[in-house]
């Protein structure tokens, strides 16, 4: 049987195309991976204070500060294998027993500005240590904020964080008939920013209503994400134990916030709660770098030139 030899240009063409795809695939695979900007399991943490009325919890470079200037919460860090995964004998969780409603704790992380396609995700384990009362806003509260460079150094009258901007979630508790809220807080008057546990009025813009969390003394894993969709818009993700809690798409395109450097976890009730295993993770856009596209197109263009020349012969 005669053997037909294929022209070298055919092999070259295929080689160029295969090389282009290989370069493109490798450049995509080498994109920056997720980055953990904040991680806290309270191992080695201690309870302190920066004033008679503002409690702190310190662990290495991470500091949790109370959002209240009065009505001090009782904070303890007991060994706990219930709030989140059991981490052994050193396992701890942060227990908060508020003396008033709308309590919360703020922690800082590396300031991050989202580019198009980037996502920032806050996750944590949370439970009430006593079953909460039913109420429209008596459940868990949490959010991601931009401190705008004003750290909490003056613990009086919310003057340390009354210009914070960000997005926060709060929920109803113990009732499947009550919905929660996902809102933007633009920090205009200090009554609805991170300084008042992500609640209040006057500077809140309701963006969506998550389905009720129906919280209890059973630990749940919360996950709240913010993705920059375009030059002007962000969208949100919200889940509990992996179950989506947003029945429809929720976005913000009116002076959307893209920079974040602090998180908030708290409650809208005086009922005691605990949280643990807190992380903030940055996920970059999955779009390959422009140089990868340039390599792909140049290689494919070379293959096209070879094909054209061969056809002209």
C-alpha atoms as a PDB file:
ATOM      1  CA  UNK A   1       0.000   0.000   0.000  1.00  0.00           C
ATOM      2  CA  UNK A   2       1.541   3.319  -1.041  1.00  0.00           C
ATOM      3  CA  UNK A   3       2.436   5.764   1.692  1.00  0.00           C
ATOM      4  CA  UNK A   4       1.340   9.361   1.186  1.00  0.00           C
ATOM      5  CA  UNK A   5       3.626  11.977   2.701  1.00  0.00           C
ATOM      6  CA  UNK A   6       1.859  15.099   3.904  1.00  0.00           C
ATOM      7  CA  UNK A   7       3.437  18.471   3.190  1.00  0.00           C
ATOM      8  CA  UNK A   8       5.550  19.912   5.978  1.00  0.00           C
ATOM      9  CA  UNK A   9       3.293  22.962   6.036  1.00  0.00           C
ATOM     10  CA  UNK A  10       0.422  20.770   7.261  1.00  0.00           C
ATOM     11  CA  UNK A  11       2.441  19.653  10.277  1.00  0.00           C
ATOM     12  CA  UNK A  12       3.651  23.182  10.887  1.00  0.00           C
ATOM     13  CA  UNK A  13       0.134  24.492  10.746  1.00  0.00           C
ATOM     14  CA  UNK A  14      -1.050  21.978  13.285  1.00  0.00           C
ATOM     15  CA  UNK A  15       1.992  22.582  15.452  1.00  0.00           C
ATOM     16  CA  UNK A  16       1.364  26.323  15.529  1.00  0.00           C
ATOM     17  CA  UNK A  17      -2.293  25.869  16.403  1.00  0.00           C
ATOM     18  CA  UNK A  18      -1.497  23.340  19.131  1.00  0.00           C
ATOM     19  CA  UNK A  19       1.227  25.577  20.540  1.00  0.00           C
ATOM     20  CA  UNK A  20      -1.123  28.552  20.590  1.00  0.00           C
ATOM     21  CA  UNK A  21      -3.756  26.613  22.498  1.00  0.00           C
ATOM     22  CA  UNK A  22      -1.139  25.282  24.914  1.00  0.00           C
ATOM     23  CA  UNK A  23       0.183  28.781  25.625  1.00  0.00           C
ATOM     24  CA  UNK A  24      -3.347  30.093  26.099  1.00  0.00           C
ATOM     25  CA  UNK A  25      -4.284  27.254  28.452  1.00  0.00           C
ATOM     26  CA  UNK A  26      -1.118  27.579  30.518  1.00  0.00           C
ATOM     27  CA  UNK A  27      -1.485  31.345  30.840  1.00  0.00           C
ATOM     28  CA  UNK A  28      -5.040  30.855  32.057  1.00  0.00           C
ATOM     29  CA  UNK A  29      -3.989  28.183  34.530  1.00  0.00           C
ATOM     30  CA  UNK A  30      -1.275  30.435  35.938  1.00  0.00           C
ATOM     31  CA  UNK A  31      -3.673  33.233  36.808  1.00  0.00           C
ATOM     32  CA  UNK A  32      -3.474  34.377  40.460  1.00  0.00           C
ATOM     33  CA  UNK A  33      -5.306  31.996  42.795  1.00  0.00           C
ATOM     34  CA  UNK A  34      -7.670  32.974  45.575  1.00  0.00           C
ATOM     35  CA  UNK A  35      -6.099  35.044  48.334  1.00  0.00           C
ATOM     36  CA  UNK A  36      -7.198  34.831  51.964  1.00  0.00           C
ATOM     37  CA  UNK A  37      -7.168  38.400  53.277  1.00  0.00           C
ATOM     38  CA  UNK A  38      -8.450  37.537  56.743  1.00  0.00           C
ATOM     39  CA  UNK A  39      -8.671  34.334  58.785  1.00  0.00           C
ATOM     40  CA  UNK A  40      -9.732  33.988  62.414  1.00  0.00           C
ATOM     41  CA  UNK A  41     -10.455  30.945  64.574  1.00  0.00           C
ATOM     42  CA  UNK A  42      -9.664  32.715  67.884  1.00  0.00           C
ATOM     43  CA  UNK A  43      -6.936  30.289  68.904  1.00  0.00           C
ATOM     44  CA  UNK A  44      -4.632  32.327  71.139  1.00  0.00           C
ATOM     45  CA  UNK A  45      -7.004  35.301  71.254  1.00  0.00           C
ATOM     46  CA  UNK A  46      -7.495  37.362  74.428  1.00  0.00           C
ATOM     47  CA  UNK A  47     -10.203  39.741  75.596  1.00  0.00           C
ATOM     48  CA  UNK A  48      -9.146  43.301  76.358  1.00  0.00           C
ATOM     49  CA  UNK A  49     -10.460  46.844  76.119  1.00  0.00           C
ATOM     50  CA  UNK A  50      -9.411  50.222  74.724  1.00  0.00           C
ATOM     51  CA  UNK A  51     -11.792  52.154  76.917  1.00  0.00           C
ATOM     52  CA  UNK A  52     -14.270  51.354  79.704  1.00  0.00           C
ATOM     53  CA  UNK A  53     -17.053  50.928  77.143  1.00  0.00           C
ATOM     54  CA  UNK A  54     -15.450  49.440  74.049  1.00  0.00           C
ATOM     55  CA  UNK A  55     -14.419  45.812  74.292  1.00  0.00           C
ATOM     56  CA  UNK A  56     -11.733  44.341  72.066  1.00  0.00           C
ATOM     57  CA  UNK A  57     -10.636  40.846  71.189  1.00  0.00           C
ATOM     58  CA  UNK A  58      -7.031  40.638  70.057  1.00  0.00           C
ATOM     59  CA  UNK A  59      -5.266  37.844  68.225  1.00  0.00           C
ATOM     60  CA  UNK A  60      -1.841  38.683  66.833  1.00  0.00           C
ATOM     61  CA  UNK A  61      -2.452  41.512  64.333  1.00  0.00           C
ATOM     62  CA  UNK A  62      -6.214  40.976  64.219  1.00  0.00           C
ATOM     63  CA  UNK A  63      -8.380  43.100  66.491  1.00  0.00           C
ATOM     64  CA  UNK A  64     -12.150  42.901  66.933  1.00  0.00           C
ATOM     65  CA  UNK A  65     -13.715  46.089  68.266  1.00  0.00           C
ATOM     66  CA  UNK A  66     -17.225  46.572  69.546  1.00  0.00           C
ATOM     67  CA  UNK A  67     -19.503  48.906  67.612  1.00  0.00           C
ATOM     68  CA  UNK A  68     -21.119  50.112  70.822  1.00  0.00           C
ATOM     69  CA  UNK A  69     -19.930  53.073  72.862  1.00  0.00           C
ATOM     70  CA  UNK A  70     -22.296  52.236  75.689  1.00  0.00           C
ATOM     71  CA  UNK A  71     -24.172  49.140  76.812  1.00  0.00           C
ATOM     72  CA  UNK A  72     -21.077  46.980  76.934  1.00  0.00           C
ATOM     73  CA  UNK A  73     -21.335  43.394  75.726  1.00  0.00           C
ATOM     74  CA  UNK A  74     -19.877  40.593  77.809  1.00  0.00           C
ATOM     75  CA  UNK A  75     -17.334  38.801  75.623  1.00  0.00           C
ATOM     76  CA  UNK A  76     -15.696  35.461  76.354  1.00  0.00           C
ATOM     77  CA  UNK A  77     -13.539  33.053  74.358  1.00  0.00           C
ATOM     78  CA  UNK A  78     -14.385  29.587  75.686  1.00  0.00           C
ATOM     79  CA  UNK A  79     -13.237  26.289  74.288  1.00  0.00           C
ATOM     80  CA  UNK A  80     -15.942  25.399  71.812  1.00  0.00           C
ATOM     81  CA  UNK A  81     -16.407  22.428  69.500  1.00  0.00           C
ATOM     82  CA  UNK A  82     -19.988  23.312  68.583  1.00  0.00           C
ATOM     83  CA  UNK A  83     -19.624  26.581  66.660  1.00  0.00           C
ATOM     84  CA  UNK A  84     -18.126  25.295  63.450  1.00  0.00           C
ATOM     85  CA  UNK A  85     -15.696  22.379  62.939  1.00  0.00           C
ATOM     86  CA  UNK A  86     -14.096  20.892  66.042  1.00  0.00           C
ATOM     87  CA  UNK A  87     -10.468  22.016  65.999  1.00  0.00           C
ATOM     88  CA  UNK A  88      -9.380  20.030  69.037  1.00  0.00           C
ATOM     89  CA  UNK A  89      -8.546  21.071  72.589  1.00  0.00           C
ATOM     90  CA  UNK A  90      -7.441  24.560  71.490  1.00  0.00           C
ATOM     91  CA  UNK A  91     -10.706  25.248  69.655  1.00  0.00           C
ATOM     92  CA  UNK A  92     -12.274  28.554  70.664  1.00  0.00           C
ATOM     93  CA  UNK A  93     -15.185  30.712  69.564  1.00  0.00           C
ATOM     94  CA  UNK A  94     -16.162  34.276  70.337  1.00  0.00           C
ATOM     95  CA  UNK A  95     -19.194  34.445  72.644  1.00  0.00           C
ATOM     96  CA  UNK A  96     -21.068  37.747  72.887  1.00  0.00           C
ATOM     97  CA  UNK A  97     -23.764  38.465  75.487  1.00  0.00           C
ATOM     98  CA  UNK A  98     -25.177  41.891  74.551  1.00  0.00           C
ATOM     99  CA  UNK A  99     -26.754  44.195  77.093  1.00  0.00           C
ATOM    100  CA  UNK A 100     -28.624  46.012  74.329  1.00  0.00           C
ATOM    101  CA  UNK A 101     -29.790  45.312  70.787  1.00  0.00           C
ATOM    102  CA  UNK A 102     -27.875  45.947  67.557  1.00  0.00           C
ATOM    103  CA  UNK A 103     -24.472  44.848  68.766  1.00  0.00           C
ATOM    104  CA  UNK A 104     -21.614  43.990  66.479  1.00  0.00           C
ATOM    105  CA  UNK A 105     -17.875  43.555  66.155  1.00  0.00           C
ATOM    106  CA  UNK A 106     -15.670  45.019  63.449  1.00  0.00           C
ATOM    107  CA  UNK A 107     -12.308  43.702  62.222  1.00  0.00           C
ATOM    108  CA  UNK A 108      -9.975  45.104  59.592  1.00  0.00           C
ATOM    109  CA  UNK A 109      -8.329  43.356  56.648  1.00  0.00           C
ATOM    110  CA  UNK A 110      -6.085  44.438  53.783  1.00  0.00           C
ATOM    111  CA  UNK A 111      -7.833  47.149  51.768  1.00  0.00           C
ATOM    112  CA  UNK A 112      -8.980  45.704  48.451  1.00  0.00           C
ATOM    113  CA  UNK A 113     -10.473  47.428  45.421  1.00  0.00           C
ATOM    114  CA  UNK A 114     -12.375  45.103  43.111  1.00  0.00           C
ATOM    115  CA  UNK A 115     -11.626  45.174  39.400  1.00  0.00           C
ATOM    116  CA  UNK A 116     -14.215  43.940  36.922  1.00  0.00           C
ATOM    117  CA  UNK A 117     -14.732  40.226  37.494  1.00  0.00           C
ATOM    118  CA  UNK A 118     -13.207  40.179  41.002  1.00  0.00           C
ATOM    119  CA  UNK A 119     -15.104  38.749  43.987  1.00  0.00           C
ATOM    120  CA  UNK A 120     -14.766  39.277  47.741  1.00  0.00           C
ATOM    121  CA  UNK A 121     -16.357  36.693  50.051  1.00  0.00           C
ATOM    122  CA  UNK A 122     -16.994  36.833  53.799  1.00  0.00           C
ATOM    123  CA  UNK A 123     -17.672  33.446  55.433  1.00  0.00           C
ATOM    124  CA  UNK A 124     -18.168  32.453  59.071  1.00  0.00           C
ATOM    125  CA  UNK A 125     -19.853  30.002  61.442  1.00  0.00           C
ATOM    126  CA  UNK A 126     -22.578  31.504  63.629  1.00  0.00           C
ATOM    127  CA  UNK A 127     -25.188  30.399  66.125  1.00  0.00           C
ATOM    128  CA  UNK A 128     -27.284  31.861  68.898  1.00  0.00           C
ATOM    129  CA  UNK A 129     -26.366  30.418  72.286  1.00  0.00           C
ATOM    130  CA  UNK A 130     -29.928  31.159  73.396  1.00  0.00           C
ATOM    131  CA  UNK A 131     -32.864  30.906  70.986  1.00  0.00           C
ATOM    132  CA  UNK A 132     -33.604  34.438  69.676  1.00  0.00           C
ATOM    133  CA  UNK A 133     -36.958  36.135  69.862  1.00  0.00           C
ATOM    134  CA  UNK A 134     -39.003  36.587  66.699  1.00  0.00           C
ATOM    135  CA  UNK A 135     -38.493  39.940  65.032  1.00  0.00           C
ATOM    136  CA  UNK A 136     -38.042  41.573  61.679  1.00  0.00           C
ATOM    137  CA  UNK A 137     -34.421  42.495  62.384  1.00  0.00           C
ATOM    138  CA  UNK A 138     -33.605  40.447  65.461  1.00  0.00           C
ATOM    139  CA  UNK A 139     -31.306  37.961  63.764  1.00  0.00           C
ATOM    140  CA  UNK A 140     -27.709  37.829  62.603  1.00  0.00           C
ATOM    141  CA  UNK A 141     -26.145  40.936  61.025  1.00  0.00           C
ATOM    142  CA  UNK A 142     -22.999  41.029  58.933  1.00  0.00           C
ATOM    143  CA  UNK A 143     -21.381  43.006  56.162  1.00  0.00           C
ATOM    144  CA  UNK A 144     -18.329  44.243  54.259  1.00  0.00           C
ATOM    145  CA  UNK A 145     -17.333  47.905  54.502  1.00  0.00           C
ATOM    146  CA  UNK A 146     -14.899  50.595  53.442  1.00  0.00           C
ATOM    147  CA  UNK A 147     -13.608  52.478  56.489  1.00  0.00           C
ATOM    148  CA  UNK A 148     -12.448  55.292  54.181  1.00  0.00           C
ATOM    149  CA  UNK A 149      -9.248  55.503  56.179  1.00  0.00           C
ATOM    150  CA  UNK A 150     -10.904  56.449  59.464  1.00  0.00           C
ATOM    151  CA  UNK A 151     -10.017  53.761  61.957  1.00  0.00           C
ATOM    152  CA  UNK A 152     -11.788  53.349  65.277  1.00  0.00           C
ATOM    153  CA  UNK A 153      -9.417  55.340  67.464  1.00  0.00           C
ATOM    154  CA  UNK A 154     -11.898  57.631  69.218  1.00  0.00           C
ATOM    155  CA  UNK A 155     -14.462  55.402  70.956  1.00  0.00           C
ATOM    156  CA  UNK A 156     -17.143  58.015  71.538  1.00  0.00           C
ATOM    157  CA  UNK A 157     -20.427  58.720  69.769  1.00  0.00           C
ATOM    158  CA  UNK A 158     -19.532  56.694  66.662  1.00  0.00           C
ATOM    159  CA  UNK A 159     -17.074  59.369  65.589  1.00  0.00           C
ATOM    160  CA  UNK A 160     -14.536  56.723  64.620  1.00  0.00           C
ATOM    161  CA  UNK A 161     -16.572  55.129  61.854  1.00  0.00           C
ATOM    162  CA  UNK A 162     -19.528  57.321  60.951  1.00  0.00           C
ATOM    163  CA  UNK A 163     -18.406  57.681  57.345  1.00  0.00           C
ATOM    164  CA  UNK A 164     -18.076  53.947  56.671  1.00  0.00           C
ATOM    165  CA  UNK A 165     -19.665  52.697  53.474  1.00  0.00           C
ATOM    166  CA  UNK A 166     -20.542  49.159  52.567  1.00  0.00           C
ATOM    167  CA  UNK A 167     -23.094  46.421  52.176  1.00  0.00           C
ATOM    168  CA  UNK A 168     -24.746  44.546  54.997  1.00  0.00           C
ATOM    169  CA  UNK A 169     -27.273  41.811  55.587  1.00  0.00           C
ATOM    170  CA  UNK A 170     -29.608  41.434  58.479  1.00  0.00           C
ATOM    171  CA  UNK A 171     -32.269  38.859  58.997  1.00  0.00           C
ATOM    172  CA  UNK A 172     -35.375  38.034  60.855  1.00  0.00           C
ATOM    173  CA  UNK A 173     -35.037  35.337  63.492  1.00  0.00           C
ATOM    174  CA  UNK A 174     -37.087  32.276  64.432  1.00  0.00           C
ATOM    175  CA  UNK A 175     -39.823  32.839  61.888  1.00  0.00           C
ATOM    176  CA  UNK A 176     -40.062  31.510  58.349  1.00  0.00           C
ATOM    177  CA  UNK A 177     -42.586  34.223  57.474  1.00  0.00           C
ATOM    178  CA  UNK A 178     -40.194  37.134  57.978  1.00  0.00           C
ATOM    179  CA  UNK A 179     -37.676  38.162  55.337  1.00  0.00           C
ATOM    180  CA  UNK A 180     -34.291  39.725  55.858  1.00  0.00           C
ATOM    181  CA  UNK A 181     -32.658  42.588  53.979  1.00  0.00           C
ATOM    182  CA  UNK A 182     -29.562  43.271  51.927  1.00  0.00           C
ATOM    183  CA  UNK A 183     -28.771  46.972  51.944  1.00  0.00           C
ATOM    184  CA  UNK A 184     -26.170  49.531  51.029  1.00  0.00           C
ATOM    185  CA  UNK A 185     -25.052  51.817  53.838  1.00  0.00           C
ATOM    186  CA  UNK A 186     -23.501  55.036  52.618  1.00  0.00           C
ATOM    187  CA  UNK A 187     -22.358  56.243  56.038  1.00  0.00           C
ATOM    188  CA  UNK A 188     -23.837  59.705  55.837  1.00  0.00           C
ATOM    189  CA  UNK A 189     -25.046  60.240  59.371  1.00  0.00           C
ATOM    190  CA  UNK A 190     -23.639  57.526  61.587  1.00  0.00           C
ATOM    191  CA  UNK A 191     -27.041  55.964  62.254  1.00  0.00           C
ATOM    192  CA  UNK A 192     -26.885  53.115  59.796  1.00  0.00           C
ATOM    193  CA  UNK A 193     -23.235  52.368  59.213  1.00  0.00           C
ATOM    194  CA  UNK A 194     -20.930  49.727  60.604  1.00  0.00           C
ATOM    195  CA  UNK A 195     -20.799  51.698  63.830  1.00  0.00           C
ATOM    196  CA  UNK A 196     -24.327  50.671  64.740  1.00  0.00           C
ATOM    197  CA  UNK A 197     -24.040  46.986  63.909  1.00  0.00           C
ATOM    198  CA  UNK A 198     -25.128  47.345  60.328  1.00  0.00           C
ATOM    199  CA  UNK A 199     -28.575  48.656  61.086  1.00  0.00           C
ATOM    200  CA  UNK A 200     -30.417  51.879  61.725  1.00  0.00           C
ATOM    201  CA  UNK A 201     -31.967  54.309  59.269  1.00  0.00           C
ATOM    202  CA  UNK A 202     -31.184  57.439  57.356  1.00  0.00           C
ATOM    203  CA  UNK A 203     -28.398  56.120  55.136  1.00  0.00           C
ATOM    204  CA  UNK A 204     -29.653  52.699  54.093  1.00  0.00           C
ATOM    205  CA  UNK A 205     -30.711  51.733  50.582  1.00  0.00           C
ATOM    206  CA  UNK A 206     -32.599  48.437  50.399  1.00  0.00           C
ATOM    207  CA  UNK A 207     -31.294  46.332  47.517  1.00  0.00           C
ATOM    208  CA  UNK A 208     -32.923  42.961  48.111  1.00  0.00           C
ATOM    209  CA  UNK A 209     -34.788  40.737  50.565  1.00  0.00           C
ATOM    210  CA  UNK A 210     -33.129  37.381  51.270  1.00  0.00           C
ATOM    211  CA  UNK A 211     -35.349  34.488  52.250  1.00  0.00           C
ATOM    212  CA  UNK A 212     -35.512  34.107  56.003  1.00  0.00           C
ATOM    213  CA  UNK A 213     -32.607  32.363  57.737  1.00  0.00           C
ATOM    214  CA  UNK A 214     -34.763  30.819  60.480  1.00  0.00           C
ATOM    215  CA  UNK A 215     -31.824  30.947  62.877  1.00  0.00           C
ATOM    216  CA  UNK A 216     -31.490  28.907  66.036  1.00  0.00           C
ATOM    217  CA  UNK A 217     -28.882  27.534  68.414  1.00  0.00           C
ATOM    218  CA  UNK A 218     -27.651  25.212  65.647  1.00  0.00           C
ATOM    219  CA  UNK A 219     -24.449  26.361  63.958  1.00  0.00           C
ATOM    220  CA  UNK A 220     -24.755  27.521  60.353  1.00  0.00           C
ATOM    221  CA  UNK A 221     -22.098  28.508  57.821  1.00  0.00           C
ATOM    222  CA  UNK A 222     -22.794  31.916  56.272  1.00  0.00           C
ATOM    223  CA  UNK A 223     -21.243  33.139  53.033  1.00  0.00           C
ATOM    224  CA  UNK A 224     -21.689  36.643  51.608  1.00  0.00           C
ATOM    225  CA  UNK A 225     -19.989  37.627  48.348  1.00  0.00           C
ATOM    226  CA  UNK A 226     -19.650  40.824  46.331  1.00  0.00           C
ATOM    227  CA  UNK A 227     -18.650  40.677  42.656  1.00  0.00           C
ATOM    228  CA  UNK A 228     -17.819  43.629  40.439  1.00  0.00           C
ATOM    229  CA  UNK A 229     -19.724  43.068  37.198  1.00  0.00           C
ATOM    230  CA  UNK A 230     -18.753  46.217  35.310  1.00  0.00           C
ATOM    231  CA  UNK A 231     -17.330  49.684  35.732  1.00  0.00           C
ATOM    232  CA  UNK A 232     -20.480  50.749  37.558  1.00  0.00           C
ATOM    233  CA  UNK A 233     -22.143  47.646  39.027  1.00  0.00           C
ATOM    234  CA  UNK A 234     -21.700  45.005  41.709  1.00  0.00           C
ATOM    235  CA  UNK A 235     -23.792  41.896  42.355  1.00  0.00           C
ATOM    236  CA  UNK A 236     -24.207  39.763  45.455  1.00  0.00           C
ATOM    237  CA  UNK A 237     -24.269  36.164  46.561  1.00  0.00           C
ATOM    238  CA  UNK A 238     -25.650  34.922  49.869  1.00  0.00           C
ATOM    239  CA  UNK A 239     -25.839  31.365  51.159  1.00  0.00           C
ATOM    240  CA  UNK A 240     -26.280  29.455  54.398  1.00  0.00           C
ATOM    241  CA  UNK A 241     -24.835  25.959  54.592  1.00  0.00           C
ATOM    242  CA  UNK A 242     -24.421  26.123  50.824  1.00  0.00           C
ATOM    243  CA  UNK A 243     -28.082  26.966  50.133  1.00  0.00           C
ATOM    244  CA  UNK A 244     -28.749  30.136  48.146  1.00  0.00           C
ATOM    245  CA  UNK A 245     -30.790  32.718  50.059  1.00  0.00           C
ATOM    246  CA  UNK A 246     -31.389  35.200  47.246  1.00  0.00           C
ATOM    247  CA  UNK A 247     -34.473  34.288  45.226  1.00  0.00           C
ATOM    248  CA  UNK A 248     -33.533  36.738  42.462  1.00  0.00           C
ATOM    249  CA  UNK A 249     -30.493  38.645  41.234  1.00  0.00           C
ATOM    250  CA  UNK A 250     -29.480  41.541  43.486  1.00  0.00           C
ATOM    251  CA  UNK A 251     -27.233  44.292  42.121  1.00  0.00           C
ATOM    252  CA  UNK A 252     -26.166  47.852  42.849  1.00  0.00           C
ATOM    253  CA  UNK A 253     -25.271  50.243  40.032  1.00  0.00           C
ATOM    254  CA  UNK A 254     -25.991  53.543  41.774  1.00  0.00           C
ATOM    255  CA  UNK A 255     -22.666  54.822  43.119  1.00  0.00           C
ATOM    256  CA  UNK A 256     -21.653  51.232  43.811  1.00  0.00           C
ATOM    257  CA  UNK A 257     -18.896  50.559  46.346  1.00  0.00           C
ATOM    258  CA  UNK A 258     -15.780  48.737  45.131  1.00  0.00           C
ATOM    259  CA  UNK A 259     -13.222  49.149  47.962  1.00  0.00           C
ATOM    260  CA  UNK A 260     -13.417  47.196  51.238  1.00  0.00           C
ATOM    261  CA  UNK A 261     -11.200  46.883  54.302  1.00  0.00           C
ATOM    262  CA  UNK A 262     -13.385  45.847  57.222  1.00  0.00           C
ATOM    263  CA  UNK A 263     -15.999  43.271  58.146  1.00  0.00           C
ATOM    264  CA  UNK A 264     -18.834  43.264  60.624  1.00  0.00           C
ATOM    265  CA  UNK A 265     -20.523  40.403  62.481  1.00  0.00           C
ATOM    266  CA  UNK A 266     -23.233  40.960  65.058  1.00  0.00           C
ATOM    267  CA  UNK A 267     -26.911  40.679  65.893  1.00  0.00           C
ATOM    268  CA  UNK A 268     -30.006  42.842  66.003  1.00  0.00           C
ATOM    269  CA  UNK A 269     -31.114  41.505  69.343  1.00  0.00           C
ATOM    270  CA  UNK A 270     -29.848  41.354  72.907  1.00  0.00           C
ATOM    271  CA  UNK A 271     -29.777  37.554  72.672  1.00  0.00           C
ATOM    272  CA  UNK A 272     -26.354  35.960  73.156  1.00  0.00           C
ATOM    273  CA  UNK A 273     -24.546  34.606  70.098  1.00  0.00           C
ATOM    274  CA  UNK A 274     -21.268  32.991  69.070  1.00  0.00           C
ATOM    275  CA  UNK A 275     -19.184  32.992  65.899  1.00  0.00           C
ATOM    276  CA  UNK A 276     -15.995  31.366  64.679  1.00  0.00           C
ATOM    277  CA  UNK A 277     -13.876  30.439  61.638  1.00  0.00           C
ATOM    278  CA  UNK A 278     -14.144  33.810  59.934  1.00  0.00           C
ATOM    279  CA  UNK A 279     -12.515  34.315  56.544  1.00  0.00           C
ATOM    280  CA  UNK A 280     -12.418  36.983  53.865  1.00  0.00           C
ATOM    281  CA  UNK A 281     -11.275  35.598  50.506  1.00  0.00           C
ATOM    282  CA  UNK A 282     -10.428  37.538  47.352  1.00  0.00           C
ATOM    283  CA  UNK A 283     -11.017  35.775  44.021  1.00  0.00           C
ATOM    284  CA  UNK A 284      -9.592  37.528  40.948  1.00  0.00           C
ATOM    285  CA  UNK A 285     -11.268  37.644  37.581  1.00  0.00           C
ATOM    286  CA  UNK A 286     -10.872  34.473  35.514  1.00  0.00           C
ATOM    287  CA  UNK A 287     -10.259  36.458  32.309  1.00  0.00           C
ATOM    288  CA  UNK A 288      -6.794  35.689  30.841  1.00  0.00           C
ATOM    289  CA  UNK A 289      -4.250  38.470  30.567  1.00  0.00           C
ATOM    290  CA  UNK A 290      -4.189  40.444  27.272  1.00  0.00           C
ATOM    291  CA  UNK A 291      -0.734  39.008  26.533  1.00  0.00           C
ATOM    292  CA  UNK A 292      -2.251  35.514  26.446  1.00  0.00           C
ATOM    293  CA  UNK A 293      -4.736  36.602  23.812  1.00  0.00           C
ATOM    294  CA  UNK A 294      -1.920  38.240  21.832  1.00  0.00           C
ATOM    295  CA  UNK A 295       0.069  34.983  21.782  1.00  0.00           C
ATOM    296  CA  UNK A 296      -2.978  33.000  20.735  1.00  0.00           C
ATOM    297  CA  UNK A 297      -3.925  35.337  17.898  1.00  0.00           C
ATOM    298  CA  UNK A 298      -0.359  35.645  16.589  1.00  0.00           C
ATOM    299  CA  UNK A 299       0.053  31.864  16.431  1.00  0.00           C
ATOM    300  CA  UNK A 300      -3.307  31.377  14.744  1.00  0.00           C
ATOM    301  CA  UNK A 301      -2.467  34.159  12.293  1.00  0.00           C
ATOM    302  CA  UNK A 302       0.771  32.366  11.419  1.00  0.00           C
ATOM    303  CA  UNK A 303      -1.136  29.163  10.732  1.00  0.00           C
ATOM    304  CA  UNK A 304      -3.576  31.085   8.538  1.00  0.00           C
ATOM    305  CA  UNK A 305      -0.729  32.589   6.476  1.00  0.00           C
ATOM    306  CA  UNK A 306       0.766  29.163   5.853  1.00  0.00           C
ATOM    307  CA  UNK A 307      -2.626  27.823   4.780  1.00  0.00           C
ATOM    308  CA  UNK A 308      -3.180  30.731   2.392  1.00  0.00           C
ATOM    309  CA  UNK A 309       0.215  30.302   0.744  1.00  0.00           C
ATOM    310  CA  UNK A 310      -0.357  26.601   0.274  1.00  0.00           C
ATOM    311  CA  UNK A 311      -3.743  27.179  -1.367  1.00  0.00           C
ATOM    312  CA  UNK A 312      -2.187  29.675  -3.826  1.00  0.00           C
ATOM    313  CA  UNK A 313       0.291  27.051  -5.004  1.00  0.00           C
END
